[in-house]
Amino acid sequence: MADFASAECLQRFGAYTGGAYDDSDLEVATVRPDRDSWSKTGDREVACVLYKKDSPLTGSRHKA
């Protein structure tokens, strides 16, 4: 699940931000279901989170 989530978030990075991940100073983290939430509650959602190492972000990075 971790590999799938990371790959999906990276694939969507350019469309969301308007730039390539490799040319960006942003990092991508994922929030995804764990084994219990997958099996017990049917959790199937993945969230992509953008962040900057050692620097707070303010505002959206949507097509920034």
PDB file of N, CA and C in Angstrom:
ATOM      1  N   MET A   1       0.823  -1.177   0.000  1.00  0.00           N
ATOM      2  CA  MET A   1       0.000   0.000   0.000  1.00  0.00           C
ATOM      3  C   MET A   1       0.876   1.253   0.000  1.00  0.00           C
ATOM      4  N   ALA A   2       1.959   1.236   0.755  1.00  0.00           N
ATOM      5  CA  ALA A   2       2.837   2.402   0.812  1.00  0.00           C
ATOM      6  C   ALA A   2       3.424   2.720  -0.562  1.00  0.00           C
ATOM      7  N   ASP A   3       3.877   1.699  -1.262  1.00  0.00           N
ATOM      8  CA  ASP A   3       4.445   1.909  -2.604  1.00  0.00           C
ATOM      9  C   ASP A   3       3.399   2.423  -3.575  1.00  0.00           C
ATOM     10  N   PHE A   4       2.204   1.851  -3.521  1.00  0.00           N
ATOM     11  CA  PHE A   4       1.118   2.298  -4.387  1.00  0.00           C
ATOM     12  C   PHE A   4       0.781   3.760  -4.113  1.00  0.00           C
ATOM     13  N   ALA A   5       0.624   4.120  -2.841  1.00  0.00           N
ATOM     14  CA  ALA A   5       0.266   5.485  -2.474  1.00  0.00           C
ATOM     15  C   ALA A   5       1.339   6.474  -2.930  1.00  0.00           C
ATOM     16  N   SER A   6       2.581   6.151  -2.703  1.00  0.00           N
ATOM     17  CA  SER A   6       3.678   7.042  -3.111  1.00  0.00           C
ATOM     18  C   SER A   6       3.706   7.234  -4.623  1.00  0.00           C
ATOM     19  N   ALA A   7       3.554   6.142  -5.353  1.00  0.00           N
ATOM     20  CA  ALA A   7       3.570   6.220  -6.814  1.00  0.00           C
ATOM     21  C   ALA A   7       2.416   7.066  -7.339  1.00  0.00           C
ATOM     22  N   GLU A   8       1.229   6.891  -6.769  1.00  0.00           N
ATOM     23  CA  GLU A   8       0.064   7.671  -7.200  1.00  0.00           C
ATOM     24  C   GLU A   8       0.251   9.160  -6.898  1.00  0.00           C
ATOM     25  N   CYS A   9       0.758   9.467  -5.727  1.00  0.00           N
ATOM     26  CA  CYS A   9       0.959  10.874  -5.370  1.00  0.00           C
ATOM     27  C   CYS A   9       1.999  11.526  -6.279  1.00  0.00           C
ATOM     28  N   LEU A  10       3.081  10.841  -6.540  1.00  0.00           N
ATOM     29  CA  LEU A  10       4.113  11.394  -7.422  1.00  0.00           C
ATOM     30  C   LEU A  10       3.592  11.558  -8.845  1.00  0.00           C
ATOM     31  N   GLN A  11       2.768  10.628  -9.291  1.00  0.00           N
ATOM     32  CA  GLN A  11       2.196  10.709 -10.637  1.00  0.00           C
ATOM     33  C   GLN A  11       1.299  11.940 -10.777  1.00  0.00           C
ATOM     34  N   ARG A  12       0.617  12.325  -9.731  1.00  0.00           N
ATOM     35  CA  ARG A  12      -0.321  13.448  -9.771  1.00  0.00           C
ATOM     36  C   ARG A  12       0.316  14.789  -9.404  1.00  0.00           C
ATOM     37  N   PHE A  13       1.565  14.758  -8.969  1.00  0.00           N
ATOM     38  CA  PHE A  13       2.255  15.960  -8.496  1.00  0.00           C
ATOM     39  C   PHE A  13       2.236  17.085  -9.531  1.00  0.00           C
ATOM     40  N   GLY A  14       2.659  16.795 -10.734  1.00  0.00           N
ATOM     41  CA  GLY A  14       2.765  17.817 -11.776  1.00  0.00           C
ATOM     42  C   GLY A  14       1.442  18.453 -12.130  1.00  0.00           C
ATOM     43  N   ALA A  15       0.401  17.647 -12.233  1.00  0.00           N
ATOM     44  CA  ALA A  15      -0.921  18.190 -12.556  1.00  0.00           C
ATOM     45  C   ALA A  15      -1.431  19.097 -11.439  1.00  0.00           C
ATOM     46  N   TYR A  16      -1.093  18.771 -10.205  1.00  0.00           N
ATOM     47  CA  TYR A  16      -1.566  19.571  -9.075  1.00  0.00           C
ATOM     48  C   TYR A  16      -0.759  20.857  -8.910  1.00  0.00           C
ATOM     49  N   THR A  17       0.555  20.740  -8.976  1.00  0.00           N
ATOM     50  CA  THR A  17       1.400  21.897  -8.685  1.00  0.00           C
ATOM     51  C   THR A  17       1.765  22.719  -9.914  1.00  0.00           C
ATOM     52  N   GLY A  18       1.672  22.098 -11.084  1.00  0.00           N
ATOM     53  CA  GLY A  18       2.073  22.795 -12.296  1.00  0.00           C
ATOM     54  C   GLY A  18       3.552  22.681 -12.592  1.00  0.00           C
ATOM     55  N   GLY A  19       4.270  21.869 -11.839  1.00  0.00           N
ATOM     56  CA  GLY A  19       5.709  21.685 -12.056  1.00  0.00           C
ATOM     57  C   GLY A  19       6.123  20.249 -11.778  1.00  0.00           C
ATOM     58  N   ALA A  20       7.308  19.909 -12.225  1.00  0.00           N
ATOM     59  CA  ALA A  20       7.829  18.556 -12.029  1.00  0.00           C
ATOM     60  C   ALA A  20       8.342  18.362 -10.603  1.00  0.00           C
ATOM     61  N   TYR A  21       8.126  17.182 -10.071  1.00  0.00           N
ATOM     62  CA  TYR A  21       8.591  16.873  -8.722  1.00  0.00           C
ATOM     63  C   TYR A  21      10.107  17.031  -8.610  1.00  0.00           C
ATOM     64  N   ASP A  22      10.839  16.544  -9.604  1.00  0.00           N
ATOM     65  CA  ASP A  22      12.296  16.601  -9.562  1.00  0.00           C
ATOM     66  C   ASP A  22      12.835  18.031  -9.571  1.00  0.00           C
ATOM     67  N   ASP A  23      12.058  18.973 -10.069  1.00  0.00           N
ATOM     68  CA  ASP A  23      12.481  20.376 -10.115  1.00  0.00           C
ATOM     69  C   ASP A  23      11.953  21.178  -8.933  1.00  0.00           C
ATOM     70  N   SER A  24      11.273  20.530  -8.025  1.00  0.00           N
ATOM     71  CA  SER A  24      10.599  21.203  -6.923  1.00  0.00           C
ATOM     72  C   SER A  24      11.418  21.109  -5.641  1.00  0.00           C
ATOM     73  N   ASP A  25      11.150  22.026  -4.724  1.00  0.00           N
ATOM     74  CA  ASP A  25      11.747  21.952  -3.393  1.00  0.00           C
ATOM     75  C   ASP A  25      10.778  21.325  -2.392  1.00  0.00           C
ATOM     76  N   LEU A  26       9.697  20.749  -2.904  1.00  0.00           N
ATOM     77  CA  LEU A  26       8.689  20.120  -2.057  1.00  0.00           C
ATOM     78  C   LEU A  26       8.927  18.625  -1.940  1.00  0.00           C
ATOM     79  N   GLU A  27       8.475  18.073  -0.832  1.00  0.00           N
ATOM     80  CA  GLU A  27       8.496  16.634  -0.592  1.00  0.00           C
ATOM     81  C   GLU A  27       7.043  16.157  -0.562  1.00  0.00           C
ATOM     82  N   VAL A  28       6.849  14.858  -0.762  1.00  0.00           N
ATOM     83  CA  VAL A  28       5.517  14.273  -0.738  1.00  0.00           C
ATOM     84  C   VAL A  28       5.467  13.188   0.328  1.00  0.00           C
ATOM     85  N   ALA A  29       4.446  13.260   1.168  1.00  0.00           N
ATOM     86  CA  ALA A  29       4.170  12.208   2.146  1.00  0.00           C
ATOM     87  C   ALA A  29       2.764  11.686   1.871  1.00  0.00           C
ATOM     88  N   THR A  30       2.492  10.487   2.335  1.00  0.00           N
ATOM     89  CA  THR A  30       1.166   9.915   2.131  1.00  0.00           C
ATOM     90  C   THR A  30       0.524   9.578   3.466  1.00  0.00           C
ATOM     91  N   VAL A  31      -0.789   9.691   3.488  1.00  0.00           N
ATOM     92  CA  VAL A  31      -1.594   9.218   4.609  1.00  0.00           C
ATOM     93  C   VAL A  31      -2.473   8.133   4.004  1.00  0.00           C
ATOM     94  N   ARG A  32      -2.383   6.954   4.533  1.00  0.00           N
ATOM     95  CA  ARG A  32      -3.066   5.817   3.922  1.00  0.00           C
ATOM     96  C   ARG A  32      -3.607   4.890   5.006  1.00  0.00           C
ATOM     97  N   PRO A  33      -4.522   4.004   4.614  1.00  0.00           N
ATOM     98  CA  PRO A  33      -5.090   3.090   5.604  1.00  0.00           C
ATOM     99  C   PRO A  33      -4.047   2.098   6.121  1.00  0.00           C
ATOM    100  N   ASP A  34      -4.176   1.774   7.381  1.00  0.00           N
ATOM    101  CA  ASP A  34      -3.354   0.688   7.905  1.00  0.00           C
ATOM    102  C   ASP A  34      -4.149  -0.617   7.791  1.00  0.00           C
ATOM    103  N   ARG A  35      -3.552  -1.696   8.168  1.00  0.00           N
ATOM    104  CA  ARG A  35      -4.180  -3.010   8.007  1.00  0.00           C
ATOM    105  C   ARG A  35      -5.540  -3.079   8.717  1.00  0.00           C
ATOM    106  N   ASP A  36      -5.607  -2.533   9.941  1.00  0.00           N
ATOM    107  CA  ASP A  36      -6.862  -2.598  10.692  1.00  0.00           C
ATOM    108  C   ASP A  36      -7.962  -1.764  10.051  1.00  0.00           C
ATOM    109  N   SER A  37      -7.657  -0.533   9.664  1.00  0.00           N
ATOM    110  CA  SER A  37      -8.701   0.305   9.081  1.00  0.00           C
ATOM    111  C   SER A  37      -9.131  -0.228   7.709  1.00  0.00           C
ATOM    112  N   TRP A  38      -8.221  -0.871   7.001  1.00  0.00           N
ATOM    113  CA  TRP A  38      -8.562  -1.476   5.705  1.00  0.00           C
ATOM    114  C   TRP A  38      -9.577  -2.616   5.911  1.00  0.00           C
ATOM    115  N   SER A  39      -9.269  -3.506   6.848  1.00  0.00           N
ATOM    116  CA  SER A  39     -10.105  -4.692   7.013  1.00  0.00           C
ATOM    117  C   SER A  39     -11.333  -4.457   7.888  1.00  0.00           C
ATOM    118  N   LYS A  40     -11.241  -3.609   8.888  1.00  0.00           N
ATOM    119  CA  LYS A  40     -12.352  -3.439   9.832  1.00  0.00           C
ATOM    120  C   LYS A  40     -13.346  -2.355   9.426  1.00  0.00           C
ATOM    121  N   THR A  41     -12.867  -1.293   8.793  1.00  0.00           N
ATOM    122  CA  THR A  41     -13.782  -0.186   8.473  1.00  0.00           C
ATOM    123  C   THR A  41     -13.884   0.093   6.981  1.00  0.00           C
ATOM    124  N   GLY A  42     -13.152  -0.660   6.175  1.00  0.00           N
ATOM    125  CA  GLY A  42     -13.239  -0.471   4.727  1.00  0.00           C
ATOM    126  C   GLY A  42     -12.567   0.798   4.236  1.00  0.00           C
ATOM    127  N   ASP A  43     -11.619   1.317   4.990  1.00  0.00           N
ATOM    128  CA  ASP A  43     -10.908   2.539   4.610  1.00  0.00           C
ATOM    129  C   ASP A  43     -10.075   2.279   3.360  1.00  0.00           C
ATOM    130  N   ARG A  44     -10.316   3.072   2.331  1.00  0.00           N
ATOM    131  CA  ARG A  44      -9.606   2.892   1.064  1.00  0.00           C
ATOM    132  C   ARG A  44      -9.027   4.198   0.531  1.00  0.00           C
ATOM    133  N   GLU A  45      -9.057   5.249   1.310  1.00  0.00           N
ATOM    134  CA  GLU A  45      -8.600   6.553   0.827  1.00  0.00           C
ATOM    135  C   GLU A  45      -7.128   6.790   1.116  1.00  0.00           C
ATOM    136  N   VAL A  46      -6.485   7.461   0.178  1.00  0.00           N
ATOM    137  CA  VAL A  46      -5.096   7.879   0.321  1.00  0.00           C
ATOM    138  C   VAL A  46      -5.062   9.395   0.169  1.00  0.00           C
ATOM    139  N   ALA A  47      -4.319  10.064   1.022  1.00  0.00           N
ATOM    140  CA  ALA A  47      -4.143  11.507   0.911  1.00  0.00           C
ATOM    141  C   ALA A  47      -2.676  11.793   0.634  1.00  0.00           C
ATOM    142  N   CYS A  48      -2.438  12.735  -0.274  1.00  0.00           N
ATOM    143  CA  CYS A  48      -1.083  13.173  -0.588  1.00  0.00           C
ATOM    144  C   CYS A  48      -0.834  14.487   0.141  1.00  0.00           C
ATOM    145  N   VAL A  49       0.287  14.569   0.805  1.00  0.00           N
ATOM    146  CA  VAL A  49       0.625  15.750   1.593  1.00  0.00           C
ATOM    147  C   VAL A  49       1.937  16.335   1.078  1.00  0.00           C
ATOM    148  N   LEU A  50       1.924  17.615   0.766  1.00  0.00           N
ATOM    149  CA  LEU A  50       3.145  18.304   0.339  1.00  0.00           C
ATOM    150  C   LEU A  50       3.756  19.014   1.536  1.00  0.00           C
ATOM    151  N   TYR A  51       5.069  18.976   1.626  1.00  0.00           N
ATOM    152  CA  TYR A  51       5.759  19.695   2.697  1.00  0.00           C
ATOM    153  C   TYR A  51       7.146  20.087   2.226  1.00  0.00           C
ATOM    154  N   LYS A  52       7.738  20.988   2.967  1.00  0.00           N
ATOM    155  CA  LYS A  52       9.090  21.453   2.709  1.00  0.00           C
ATOM    156  C   LYS A  52       9.933  21.111   3.923  1.00  0.00           C
ATOM    157  N   LYS A  53      11.070  20.488   3.699  1.00  0.00           N
ATOM    158  CA  LYS A  53      11.947  20.174   4.822  1.00  0.00           C
ATOM    159  C   LYS A  53      12.433  21.460   5.471  1.00  0.00           C
ATOM    160  N   ASP A  54      12.353  21.513   6.787  1.00  0.00           N
ATOM    161  CA  ASP A  54      12.884  22.613   7.589  1.00  0.00           C
ATOM    162  C   ASP A  54      12.273  23.977   7.274  1.00  0.00           C
ATOM    163  N   SER A  55      11.086  23.994   6.699  1.00  0.00           N
ATOM    164  CA  SER A  55      10.453  25.270   6.377  1.00  0.00           C
ATOM    165  C   SER A  55       8.942  25.097   6.324  1.00  0.00           C
ATOM    166  N   PRO A  56       8.199  25.917   7.043  1.00  0.00           N
ATOM    167  CA  PRO A  56       6.745  25.777   6.998  1.00  0.00           C
ATOM    168  C   PRO A  56       6.175  26.258   5.662  1.00  0.00           C
ATOM    169  N   LEU A  57       5.123  25.617   5.235  1.00  0.00           N
ATOM    170  CA  LEU A  57       4.394  26.061   4.048  1.00  0.00           C
ATOM    171  C   LEU A  57       3.165  26.841   4.483  1.00  0.00           C
ATOM    172  N   THR A  58       2.849  27.851   3.747  1.00  0.00           N
ATOM    173  CA  THR A  58       1.610  28.580   3.983  1.00  0.00           C
ATOM    174  C   THR A  58       0.852  28.651   2.674  1.00  0.00           C
ATOM    175  N   GLY A  59      -0.413  28.366   2.732  1.00  0.00           N
ATOM    176  CA  GLY A  59      -1.231  28.418   1.533  1.00  0.00           C
ATOM    177  C   GLY A  59      -1.119  27.162   0.688  1.00  0.00           C
ATOM    178  N   SER A  60      -1.880  27.165  -0.354  1.00  0.00           N
ATOM    179  CA  SER A  60      -1.944  26.022  -1.258  1.00  0.00           C
ATOM    180  C   SER A  60      -0.800  26.062  -2.269  1.00  0.00           C
ATOM    181  N   ARG A  61      -0.423  24.901  -2.734  1.00  0.00           N
ATOM    182  CA  ARG A  61       0.562  24.798  -3.808  1.00  0.00           C
ATOM    183  C   ARG A  61      -0.099  24.339  -5.101  1.00  0.00           C
ATOM    184  N   HIS A  62      -1.421  24.470  -5.136  1.00  0.00           N
ATOM    185  CA  HIS A  62      -2.164  24.097  -6.337  1.00  0.00           C
ATOM    186  C   HIS A  62      -1.804  25.038  -7.477  1.00  0.00           C
ATOM    187  N   LYS A  63      -1.172  24.490  -8.500  1.00  0.00           N
ATOM    188  CA  LYS A  63      -0.716  25.243  -9.673  1.00  0.00           C
ATOM    189  C   LYS A  63      -0.001  26.531  -9.268  1.00  0.00           C
ATOM    190  N   ALA A  64       0.826  26.405  -8.237  1.00  0.00           N
ATOM    191  CA  ALA A  64       1.574  27.566  -7.717  1.00  0.00           C
ATOM    192  C   ALA A  64       2.664  28.009  -8.655  1.00  0.00           C
TER     193      ALA A  64
END
